[in-house]
Amino acid sequence: MTYLVIGASGAQGGAVAARLAAQGHRVRGYGRSGRVPYGVEPFLGDLGDPAALKAALAGVRRVSLTLPMVFGAATVAAYAAALAEALVGASVERVVFNLANRVPERASGVAAFTTRRAAVETLTAAGVPLVVLRPPVYLDNLGAPWVRGPLLSEGVLRYPLPAELAVGWLSHHDLGVLTAAALTRDGLEGARLDLGGPEALTGPELAALFGARYEAQDPAAFTAALDALTSGTAGDGISVGAAVGDTYRWAASDPGFYLPDPGVAERLGVKLTPAGEWVAAQPWARR
């Protein structure tokens, strides 16, 4: 069986493609850059091009989908329409759609949430067989220079979440493990799964794993740091940093927003990595 990973050039899609390839599957990675993990067949194409998507889907039964960090309503709607057109005419049995964040049930006004909800609705209405994954915050974010720098030089973990907020921090590696399981395990039709690591940690508990103390960062400072490393906008005149910063502001108002569902790992038949083990395995985390 051939698996198509849409977004295989990114950190999240790349983790999925790498996991599937390591399991011995034939994997095709769709994107505009052609940069895919070792063992993955690159397939160049734009997400808004139904013809290219249809060609990439030839011989494919299972699809992993992660959208790029684009949050303009019209652009994401065009992506979803192109995907629906391509998928409906294909012989695809399952599409595992990673929303790259939790998405609240109630209206939020946050572009990173509303555009993903709309994409799910478009694909579902078209009859695409979806399994939806809603991850929390990624441990790999801690390696960003504006987080890693003060962590190593000052012994301070700064992140734009309240200190008391418990988060089921998840690694990209474990995202790959969970997604691969969601692509292959029976009985998941129509599932909506809230992912997370094996424990929920507050800011100080996470910082302690590094031998550091925690400081809640102003989301505006986070926005500025992320925008310094990205170019252009995320759509509709909003920067990538601002779009992501808005999700953290929302999470701060909901104590249970990033809590993991403890039944998901068992349902998918996987064992997840405790945050402490992940930290210990990062060469950059050694002070």
C-alpha atoms as a PDB file:
ATOM      1  CA  MET A   1       0.000   0.000   0.000  1.00  0.00           C
ATOM      2  CA  THR A   2       1.162   3.519  -0.816  1.00  0.00           C
ATOM      3  CA  TYR A   3       0.612   6.300   1.714  1.00  0.00           C
ATOM      4  CA  LEU A   4       0.429   9.930   0.686  1.00  0.00           C
ATOM      5  CA  VAL A   5       1.650  12.477   3.231  1.00  0.00           C
ATOM      6  CA  ILE A   6       0.489  15.985   2.353  1.00  0.00           C
ATOM      7  CA  GLY A   7       2.814  18.400   4.099  1.00  0.00           C
ATOM      8  CA  ALA A   8       5.750  15.986   4.298  1.00  0.00           C
ATOM      9  CA  SER A   9       8.231  18.862   3.983  1.00  0.00           C
ATOM     10  CA  GLY A  10       7.134  20.344   7.313  1.00  0.00           C
ATOM     11  CA  ALA A  11       8.083  19.277  10.817  1.00  0.00           C
ATOM     12  CA  GLN A  12       4.750  17.602  11.573  1.00  0.00           C
ATOM     13  CA  GLY A  13       4.126  15.957   8.213  1.00  0.00           C
ATOM     14  CA  GLY A  14       7.786  15.025   8.017  1.00  0.00           C
ATOM     15  CA  ALA A  15       7.534  13.160  11.319  1.00  0.00           C
ATOM     16  CA  VAL A  16       4.579  11.198   9.931  1.00  0.00           C
ATOM     17  CA  ALA A  17       6.336  10.400   6.650  1.00  0.00           C
ATOM     18  CA  ALA A  18       9.503   9.331   8.480  1.00  0.00           C
ATOM     19  CA  ARG A  19       7.540   7.032  10.791  1.00  0.00           C
ATOM     20  CA  LEU A  20       5.681   5.358   7.936  1.00  0.00           C
ATOM     21  CA  ALA A  21       8.905   4.908   5.945  1.00  0.00           C
ATOM     22  CA  ALA A  22      10.646   3.432   8.999  1.00  0.00           C
ATOM     23  CA  GLN A  23       7.818   0.907   9.256  1.00  0.00           C
ATOM     24  CA  GLY A  24       8.600  -0.230   5.731  1.00  0.00           C
ATOM     25  CA  HIS A  25       5.659   1.394   3.957  1.00  0.00           C
ATOM     26  CA  ARG A  26       5.847   3.022   0.566  1.00  0.00           C
ATOM     27  CA  VAL A  27       5.406   6.732   1.218  1.00  0.00           C
ATOM     28  CA  ARG A  28       4.846   9.623  -1.178  1.00  0.00           C
ATOM     29  CA  GLY A  29       5.429  13.131   0.168  1.00  0.00           C
ATOM     30  CA  TYR A  30       3.408  15.946  -1.414  1.00  0.00           C
ATOM     31  CA  GLY A  31       4.515  19.570  -1.319  1.00  0.00           C
ATOM     32  CA  ARG A  32       6.064  22.462  -3.188  1.00  0.00           C
ATOM     33  CA  SER A  33       9.682  22.060  -2.050  1.00  0.00           C
ATOM     34  CA  GLY A  34      10.371  18.375  -2.625  1.00  0.00           C
ATOM     35  CA  ARG A  35      12.275  18.206   0.686  1.00  0.00           C
ATOM     36  CA  VAL A  36      11.090  15.005   2.318  1.00  0.00           C
ATOM     37  CA  PRO A  37      12.569  12.540   4.838  1.00  0.00           C
ATOM     38  CA  TYR A  38      14.860   9.729   3.746  1.00  0.00           C
ATOM     39  CA  GLY A  39      13.019   6.889   2.064  1.00  0.00           C
ATOM     40  CA  VAL A  40      10.065   9.055   0.999  1.00  0.00           C
ATOM     41  CA  GLU A  41       9.211   9.659  -2.655  1.00  0.00           C
ATOM     42  CA  PRO A  42       8.842  13.407  -3.305  1.00  0.00           C
ATOM     43  CA  PHE A  43       5.895  14.620  -5.332  1.00  0.00           C
ATOM     44  CA  LEU A  44       5.889  18.304  -6.278  1.00  0.00           C
ATOM     45  CA  GLY A  45       2.577  20.093  -6.262  1.00  0.00           C
ATOM     46  CA  ASP A  46       0.538  22.957  -4.866  1.00  0.00           C
ATOM     47  CA  LEU A  47      -2.175  22.326  -2.312  1.00  0.00           C
ATOM     48  CA  GLY A  48      -4.635  24.365  -4.335  1.00  0.00           C
ATOM     49  CA  ASP A  49      -4.109  22.342  -7.536  1.00  0.00           C
ATOM     50  CA  PRO A  50      -6.709  19.548  -7.872  1.00  0.00           C
ATOM     51  CA  ALA A  51      -5.004  18.054 -10.934  1.00  0.00           C
ATOM     52  CA  ALA A  52      -1.663  17.686  -9.146  1.00  0.00           C
ATOM     53  CA  LEU A  53      -3.402  16.262  -6.088  1.00  0.00           C
ATOM     54  CA  LYS A  54      -5.247  13.718  -8.220  1.00  0.00           C
ATOM     55  CA  ALA A  55      -1.964  12.636  -9.811  1.00  0.00           C
ATOM     56  CA  ALA A  56      -0.332  12.274  -6.390  1.00  0.00           C
ATOM     57  CA  LEU A  57      -3.248  10.123  -5.200  1.00  0.00           C
ATOM     58  CA  ALA A  58      -2.721   7.493  -7.906  1.00  0.00           C
ATOM     59  CA  GLY A  59      -2.543   4.102  -6.196  1.00  0.00           C
ATOM     60  CA  VAL A  60      -3.004   5.638  -2.730  1.00  0.00           C
ATOM     61  CA  ARG A  61      -5.440   4.242  -0.144  1.00  0.00           C
ATOM     62  CA  ARG A  62      -4.468   6.204   2.984  1.00  0.00           C
ATOM     63  CA  VAL A  63      -3.611   9.907   3.294  1.00  0.00           C
ATOM     64  CA  SER A  64      -2.046  11.988   6.066  1.00  0.00           C
ATOM     65  CA  LEU A  65      -2.955  15.671   5.776  1.00  0.00           C
ATOM     66  CA  THR A  66      -1.384  18.657   7.521  1.00  0.00           C
ATOM     67  CA  LEU A  67      -2.073  22.123   6.159  1.00  0.00           C
ATOM     68  CA  PRO A  68       0.712  24.731   6.021  1.00  0.00           C
ATOM     69  CA  MET A  69       0.781  27.631   8.481  1.00  0.00           C
ATOM     70  CA  VAL A  70      -1.682  29.604   6.412  1.00  0.00           C
ATOM     71  CA  PHE A  71      -4.803  30.948   8.100  1.00  0.00           C
ATOM     72  CA  GLY A  72      -6.458  33.184   5.513  1.00  0.00           C
ATOM     73  CA  ALA A  73     -10.073  32.074   5.221  1.00  0.00           C
ATOM     74  CA  ALA A  74     -10.237  32.241   1.422  1.00  0.00           C
ATOM     75  CA  THR A  75      -6.910  30.470   0.922  1.00  0.00           C
ATOM     76  CA  VAL A  76      -7.709  27.614   3.287  1.00  0.00           C
ATOM     77  CA  ALA A  77     -11.171  27.299   1.746  1.00  0.00           C
ATOM     78  CA  ALA A  78      -9.526  26.945  -1.689  1.00  0.00           C
ATOM     79  CA  TYR A  79      -7.190  24.276  -0.310  1.00  0.00           C
ATOM     80  CA  ALA A  80     -10.111  22.369   1.190  1.00  0.00           C
ATOM     81  CA  ALA A  81     -12.123  22.586  -2.037  1.00  0.00           C
ATOM     82  CA  ALA A  82      -9.194  21.313  -4.109  1.00  0.00           C
ATOM     83  CA  LEU A  83      -8.597  18.472  -1.677  1.00  0.00           C
ATOM     84  CA  ALA A  84     -12.279  17.526  -1.688  1.00  0.00           C
ATOM     85  CA  GLU A  85     -12.370  17.499  -5.486  1.00  0.00           C
ATOM     86  CA  ALA A  86      -9.282  15.312  -5.717  1.00  0.00           C
ATOM     87  CA  LEU A  87     -10.198  12.929  -2.904  1.00  0.00           C
ATOM     88  CA  VAL A  88     -13.798  12.271  -3.899  1.00  0.00           C
ATOM     89  CA  GLY A  89     -12.713  10.837  -7.227  1.00  0.00           C
ATOM     90  CA  ALA A  90      -9.913   8.739  -5.736  1.00  0.00           C
ATOM     91  CA  SER A  91      -9.923   5.310  -4.133  1.00  0.00           C
ATOM     92  CA  VAL A  92      -8.908   6.624  -0.723  1.00  0.00           C
ATOM     93  CA  GLU A  93     -10.166   4.689   2.281  1.00  0.00           C
ATOM     94  CA  ARG A  94      -9.051   7.079   5.017  1.00  0.00           C
ATOM     95  CA  VAL A  95      -7.681  10.599   5.420  1.00  0.00           C
ATOM     96  CA  VAL A  96      -6.082  11.437   8.759  1.00  0.00           C
ATOM     97  CA  PHE A  97      -6.286  15.208   9.115  1.00  0.00           C
ATOM     98  CA  ASN A  98      -3.949  16.729  11.698  1.00  0.00           C
ATOM     99  CA  LEU A  99      -5.384  20.125  12.661  1.00  0.00           C
ATOM    100  CA  ALA A 100      -2.028  21.026  14.283  1.00  0.00           C
ATOM    101  CA  ASN A 101      -3.851  22.337  17.344  1.00  0.00           C
ATOM    102  CA  ARG A 102      -6.837  21.821  19.528  1.00  0.00           C
ATOM    103  CA  VAL A 103      -9.939  23.382  18.020  1.00  0.00           C
ATOM    104  CA  PRO A 104     -12.561  24.593  20.509  1.00  0.00           C
ATOM    105  CA  GLU A 105     -16.142  23.500  20.116  1.00  0.00           C
ATOM    106  CA  ARG A 106     -17.497  27.021  20.528  1.00  0.00           C
ATOM    107  CA  ALA A 107     -16.891  30.038  18.302  1.00  0.00           C
ATOM    108  CA  SER A 108     -13.489  31.573  18.908  1.00  0.00           C
ATOM    109  CA  GLY A 109     -12.733  34.173  16.268  1.00  0.00           C
ATOM    110  CA  VAL A 110      -9.196  32.727  16.135  1.00  0.00           C
ATOM    111  CA  ALA A 111      -8.129  32.172  12.527  1.00  0.00           C
ATOM    112  CA  ALA A 112      -5.989  29.119  13.301  1.00  0.00           C
ATOM    113  CA  PHE A 113      -9.103  27.455  14.730  1.00  0.00           C
ATOM    114  CA  THR A 114     -11.873  28.698  12.459  1.00  0.00           C
ATOM    115  CA  THR A 115     -10.081  27.864   9.205  1.00  0.00           C
ATOM    116  CA  ARG A 116      -9.351  24.305  10.324  1.00  0.00           C
ATOM    117  CA  ARG A 117     -12.918  23.779  11.491  1.00  0.00           C
ATOM    118  CA  ALA A 118     -14.166  25.026   8.109  1.00  0.00           C
ATOM    119  CA  ALA A 119     -11.790  22.677   6.260  1.00  0.00           C
ATOM    120  CA  VAL A 120     -13.080  19.708   8.259  1.00  0.00           C
ATOM    121  CA  GLU A 121     -16.650  20.714   7.426  1.00  0.00           C
ATOM    122  CA  THR A 122     -15.848  20.999   3.706  1.00  0.00           C
ATOM    123  CA  LEU A 123     -14.158  17.611   3.531  1.00  0.00           C
ATOM    124  CA  THR A 124     -16.840  15.926   5.619  1.00  0.00           C
ATOM    125  CA  ALA A 125     -19.635  17.386   3.484  1.00  0.00           C
ATOM    126  CA  ALA A 126     -17.889  16.028   0.375  1.00  0.00           C
ATOM    127  CA  GLY A 127     -17.920  12.531   1.849  1.00  0.00           C
ATOM    128  CA  VAL A 128     -14.185  12.278   2.516  1.00  0.00           C
ATOM    129  CA  PRO A 129     -13.566   9.493   5.092  1.00  0.00           C
ATOM    130  CA  LEU A 130     -11.892  11.559   7.826  1.00  0.00           C
ATOM    131  CA  VAL A 131     -10.142  10.827  11.075  1.00  0.00           C
ATOM    132  CA  VAL A 132      -9.333  14.143  12.780  1.00  0.00           C
ATOM    133  CA  LEU A 133      -6.360  14.616  15.101  1.00  0.00           C
ATOM    134  CA  ARG A 134      -6.222  17.589  17.488  1.00  0.00           C
ATOM    135  CA  PRO A 135      -2.783  17.809  19.123  1.00  0.00           C
ATOM    136  CA  PRO A 136      -1.813  20.117  22.006  1.00  0.00           C
ATOM    137  CA  VAL A 137       1.542  21.969  22.160  1.00  0.00           C
ATOM    138  CA  TYR A 138       4.697  20.350  20.812  1.00  0.00           C
ATOM    139  CA  LEU A 139       7.755  19.720  22.945  1.00  0.00           C
ATOM    140  CA  ASP A 140       9.842  20.470  19.858  1.00  0.00           C
ATOM    141  CA  ASN A 141       8.731  24.116  20.123  1.00  0.00           C
ATOM    142  CA  LEU A 142      11.074  24.387  23.103  1.00  0.00           C
ATOM    143  CA  GLY A 143      14.015  24.102  20.739  1.00  0.00           C
ATOM    144  CA  ALA A 144      13.143  27.418  19.076  1.00  0.00           C
ATOM    145  CA  PRO A 145      16.026  29.873  19.587  1.00  0.00           C
ATOM    146  CA  TRP A 146      13.971  32.362  21.627  1.00  0.00           C
ATOM    147  CA  VAL A 147      12.989  29.544  24.025  1.00  0.00           C
ATOM    148  CA  ARG A 148      16.207  27.537  24.025  1.00  0.00           C
ATOM    149  CA  GLY A 149      18.460  30.566  24.403  1.00  0.00           C
ATOM    150  CA  PRO A 150      17.269  31.817  27.812  1.00  0.00           C
ATOM    151  CA  LEU A 151      16.657  28.256  28.953  1.00  0.00           C
ATOM    152  CA  LEU A 152      20.340  27.429  28.544  1.00  0.00           C
ATOM    153  CA  SER A 153      21.898  30.787  29.389  1.00  0.00           C
ATOM    154  CA  GLU A 154      19.614  31.936  32.216  1.00  0.00           C
ATOM    155  CA  GLY A 155      18.000  28.736  33.435  1.00  0.00           C
ATOM    156  CA  VAL A 156      14.579  30.183  32.586  1.00  0.00           C
ATOM    157  CA  LEU A 157      11.931  28.484  30.493  1.00  0.00           C
ATOM    158  CA  ARG A 158       9.767  31.209  28.965  1.00  0.00           C
ATOM    159  CA  TYR A 159       6.638  30.220  27.071  1.00  0.00           C
ATOM    160  CA  PRO A 160       3.409  32.104  26.304  1.00  0.00           C
ATOM    161  CA  LEU A 161       1.168  30.000  28.536  1.00  0.00           C
ATOM    162  CA  PRO A 162       0.137  30.584  32.167  1.00  0.00           C
ATOM    163  CA  ALA A 163       2.334  28.796  34.709  1.00  0.00           C
ATOM    164  CA  GLU A 164      -0.637  26.914  36.181  1.00  0.00           C
ATOM    165  CA  LEU A 165      -1.991  25.663  32.831  1.00  0.00           C
ATOM    166  CA  ALA A 166      -1.554  21.886  32.543  1.00  0.00           C
ATOM    167  CA  VAL A 167      -0.548  20.778  29.034  1.00  0.00           C
ATOM    168  CA  GLY A 168      -0.227  17.313  27.526  1.00  0.00           C
ATOM    169  CA  TRP A 169       3.028  18.199  25.754  1.00  0.00           C
ATOM    170  CA  LEU A 170       3.602  15.985  22.707  1.00  0.00           C
ATOM    171  CA  SER A 171       6.722  15.429  20.595  1.00  0.00           C
ATOM    172  CA  HIS A 172       6.775  15.418  16.809  1.00  0.00           C
ATOM    173  CA  HIS A 173       8.072  11.866  17.009  1.00  0.00           C
ATOM    174  CA  ASP A 174       5.035  10.743  18.966  1.00  0.00           C
ATOM    175  CA  LEU A 175       2.781  12.659  16.586  1.00  0.00           C
ATOM    176  CA  GLY A 176       4.258  10.460  13.852  1.00  0.00           C
ATOM    177  CA  VAL A 177       3.612   7.351  15.929  1.00  0.00           C
ATOM    178  CA  LEU A 178       0.004   8.345  16.634  1.00  0.00           C
ATOM    179  CA  THR A 179      -0.723   9.358  13.054  1.00  0.00           C
ATOM    180  CA  ALA A 180       0.739   6.165  11.616  1.00  0.00           C
ATOM    181  CA  ALA A 181      -1.479   4.200  13.998  1.00  0.00           C
ATOM    182  CA  ALA A 182      -4.518   6.279  13.039  1.00  0.00           C
ATOM    183  CA  LEU A 183      -3.810   5.518   9.382  1.00  0.00           C
ATOM    184  CA  THR A 184      -3.602   1.772   9.880  1.00  0.00           C
ATOM    185  CA  ARG A 185      -5.798   0.796  12.850  1.00  0.00           C
ATOM    186  CA  ASP A 186      -9.304  -0.533  12.282  1.00  0.00           C
ATOM    187  CA  GLY A 187     -12.469   0.934  13.720  1.00  0.00           C
ATOM    188  CA  LEU A 188     -11.609   4.644  13.594  1.00  0.00           C
ATOM    189  CA  GLU A 189     -14.098   5.822  10.989  1.00  0.00           C
ATOM    190  CA  GLY A 190     -15.210   9.358  11.804  1.00  0.00           C
ATOM    191  CA  ALA A 191     -13.078   9.584  14.959  1.00  0.00           C
ATOM    192  CA  ARG A 192     -12.102  12.945  16.442  1.00  0.00           C
ATOM    193  CA  LEU A 193      -9.068  12.398  18.673  1.00  0.00           C
ATOM    194  CA  ASP A 194      -7.553  14.845  21.170  1.00  0.00           C
ATOM    195  CA  LEU A 195      -3.876  13.902  21.252  1.00  0.00           C
ATOM    196  CA  GLY A 196      -1.398  14.511  24.038  1.00  0.00           C
ATOM    197  CA  GLY A 197       1.587  13.082  25.821  1.00  0.00           C
ATOM    198  CA  PRO A 198       1.309  10.560  28.665  1.00  0.00           C
ATOM    199  CA  GLU A 199       1.161  13.271  31.349  1.00  0.00           C
ATOM    200  CA  ALA A 200      -0.105  16.818  31.748  1.00  0.00           C
ATOM    201  CA  LEU A 201       2.503  19.255  33.048  1.00  0.00           C
ATOM    202  CA  THR A 202       2.265  22.806  34.323  1.00  0.00           C
ATOM    203  CA  GLY A 203       4.910  25.329  33.316  1.00  0.00           C
ATOM    204  CA  PRO A 204       6.996  24.869  36.490  1.00  0.00           C
ATOM    205  CA  GLU A 205       6.774  21.067  36.191  1.00  0.00           C
ATOM    206  CA  LEU A 206       8.032  21.219  32.615  1.00  0.00           C
ATOM    207  CA  ALA A 207      10.811  23.662  33.518  1.00  0.00           C
ATOM    208  CA  ALA A 208      11.944  21.377  36.335  1.00  0.00           C
ATOM    209  CA  LEU A 209      12.761  18.684  33.776  1.00  0.00           C
ATOM    210  CA  PHE A 210      15.434  21.067  32.476  1.00  0.00           C
ATOM    211  CA  GLY A 211      16.547  22.098  35.966  1.00  0.00           C
ATOM    212  CA  ALA A 212      15.103  25.535  35.240  1.00  0.00           C
ATOM    213  CA  ARG A 213      12.389  27.858  36.488  1.00  0.00           C
ATOM    214  CA  TYR A 214       9.343  28.934  34.527  1.00  0.00           C
ATOM    215  CA  GLU A 215       8.212  32.371  33.410  1.00  0.00           C
ATOM    216  CA  ALA A 216       4.986  32.948  31.486  1.00  0.00           C
ATOM    217  CA  GLN A 217       5.948  34.908  28.383  1.00  0.00           C
ATOM    218  CA  ASP A 218       3.849  37.746  27.020  1.00  0.00           C
ATOM    219  CA  PRO A 219       2.264  36.396  23.793  1.00  0.00           C
ATOM    220  CA  ALA A 220       3.258  39.659  22.094  1.00  0.00           C
ATOM    221  CA  ALA A 221       6.928  38.850  22.716  1.00  0.00           C
ATOM    222  CA  PHE A 222       6.395  35.366  21.312  1.00  0.00           C
ATOM    223  CA  THR A 223       4.698  36.849  18.247  1.00  0.00           C
ATOM    224  CA  ALA A 224       7.645  39.167  17.602  1.00  0.00           C
ATOM    225  CA  ALA A 225      10.172  36.343  17.975  1.00  0.00           C
ATOM    226  CA  LEU A 226       8.335  34.019  15.610  1.00  0.00           C
ATOM    227  CA  ASP A 227       7.743  36.751  13.041  1.00  0.00           C
ATOM    228  CA  ALA A 228      11.462  37.510  13.032  1.00  0.00           C
ATOM    229  CA  LEU A 229      12.050  34.028  11.612  1.00  0.00           C
ATOM    230  CA  THR A 230       9.171  33.936   9.136  1.00  0.00           C
ATOM    231  CA  SER A 231       8.361  36.019   6.094  1.00  0.00           C
ATOM    232  CA  GLY A 232       5.071  37.185   4.671  1.00  0.00           C
ATOM    233  CA  THR A 233       1.720  36.675   6.317  1.00  0.00           C
ATOM    234  CA  ALA A 234      -0.437  33.753   7.313  1.00  0.00           C
ATOM    235  CA  GLY A 235      -3.266  35.259   5.276  1.00  0.00           C
ATOM    236  CA  ASP A 236      -5.880  37.979   5.715  1.00  0.00           C
ATOM    237  CA  GLY A 237      -3.183  40.418   6.794  1.00  0.00           C
ATOM    238  CA  ILE A 238      -2.203  38.490   9.933  1.00  0.00           C
ATOM    239  CA  SER A 239       1.365  37.351  10.543  1.00  0.00           C
ATOM    240  CA  VAL A 240       2.279  33.773  11.408  1.00  0.00           C
ATOM    241  CA  GLY A 241       3.399  34.859  14.864  1.00  0.00           C
ATOM    242  CA  ALA A 242       0.169  36.735  15.530  1.00  0.00           C
ATOM    243  CA  ALA A 243      -1.947  33.808  14.348  1.00  0.00           C
ATOM    244  CA  VAL A 244      -0.143  31.381  16.642  1.00  0.00           C
ATOM    245  CA  GLY A 245      -0.055  33.889  19.494  1.00  0.00           C
ATOM    246  CA  ASP A 246      -3.850  34.154  19.312  1.00  0.00           C
ATOM    247  CA  THR A 247      -4.140  30.421  19.976  1.00  0.00           C
ATOM    248  CA  TYR A 248      -2.106  30.790  23.178  1.00  0.00           C
ATOM    249  CA  ARG A 249      -4.256  33.689  24.336  1.00  0.00           C
ATOM    250  CA  TRP A 250      -7.317  31.504  23.825  1.00  0.00           C
ATOM    251  CA  ALA A 251      -5.777  28.546  25.665  1.00  0.00           C
ATOM    252  CA  ALA A 252      -5.001  30.763  28.653  1.00  0.00           C
ATOM    253  CA  SER A 253      -8.741  31.238  29.177  1.00  0.00           C
ATOM    254  CA  ASP A 254      -9.564  27.505  29.199  1.00  0.00           C
ATOM    255  CA  PRO A 255      -7.816  25.392  31.891  1.00  0.00           C
ATOM    256  CA  GLY A 256      -8.694  22.118  30.176  1.00  0.00           C
ATOM    257  CA  PHE A 257      -7.889  23.133  26.614  1.00  0.00           C
ATOM    258  CA  TYR A 258      -4.583  21.273  26.278  1.00  0.00           C
ATOM    259  CA  LEU A 259      -5.299  18.317  28.558  1.00  0.00           C
ATOM    260  CA  PRO A 260      -4.677  14.936  26.885  1.00  0.00           C
ATOM    261  CA  ASP A 261      -7.331  12.275  26.442  1.00  0.00           C
ATOM    262  CA  PRO A 262      -5.771   9.293  28.253  1.00  0.00           C
ATOM    263  CA  GLY A 263      -7.784   6.826  26.191  1.00  0.00           C
ATOM    264  CA  VAL A 264      -6.359   7.806  22.807  1.00  0.00           C
ATOM    265  CA  ALA A 265      -2.982   6.054  23.120  1.00  0.00           C
ATOM    266  CA  GLU A 266      -4.712   2.852  24.233  1.00  0.00           C
ATOM    267  CA  ARG A 267      -7.262   3.108  21.438  1.00  0.00           C
ATOM    268  CA  LEU A 268      -4.460   3.485  18.895  1.00  0.00           C
ATOM    269  CA  GLY A 269      -2.303   0.809  20.518  1.00  0.00           C
ATOM    270  CA  VAL A 270       0.781   2.963  21.037  1.00  0.00           C
ATOM    271  CA  LYS A 271       3.108   3.856  23.893  1.00  0.00           C
ATOM    272  CA  LEU A 272       4.016   7.521  24.209  1.00  0.00           C
ATOM    273  CA  THR A 273       7.242   9.116  25.423  1.00  0.00           C
ATOM    274  CA  PRO A 274       7.211  10.860  28.825  1.00  0.00           C
ATOM    275  CA  ALA A 275       8.383  14.448  28.627  1.00  0.00           C
ATOM    276  CA  GLY A 276      11.335  13.720  30.889  1.00  0.00           C
ATOM    277  CA  GLU A 277      12.634  11.047  28.513  1.00  0.00           C
ATOM    278  CA  TRP A 278      12.215  13.398  25.574  1.00  0.00           C
ATOM    279  CA  VAL A 279      14.157  16.161  27.349  1.00  0.00           C
ATOM    280  CA  ALA A 280      16.964  13.773  28.299  1.00  0.00           C
ATOM    281  CA  ALA A 281      17.333  12.737  24.646  1.00  0.00           C
ATOM    282  CA  GLN A 282      17.807  16.297  23.313  1.00  0.00           C
ATOM    283  CA  PRO A 283      21.506  17.166  22.880  1.00  0.00           C
ATOM    284  CA  TRP A 284      20.727  20.900  22.962  1.00  0.00           C
ATOM    285  CA  ALA A 285      18.997  20.578  26.357  1.00  0.00           C
ATOM    286  CA  ARG A 286      22.203  19.755  28.238  1.00  0.00           C
ATOM    287  CA  ARG A 287      23.347  22.725  30.283  1.00  0.00           C
END
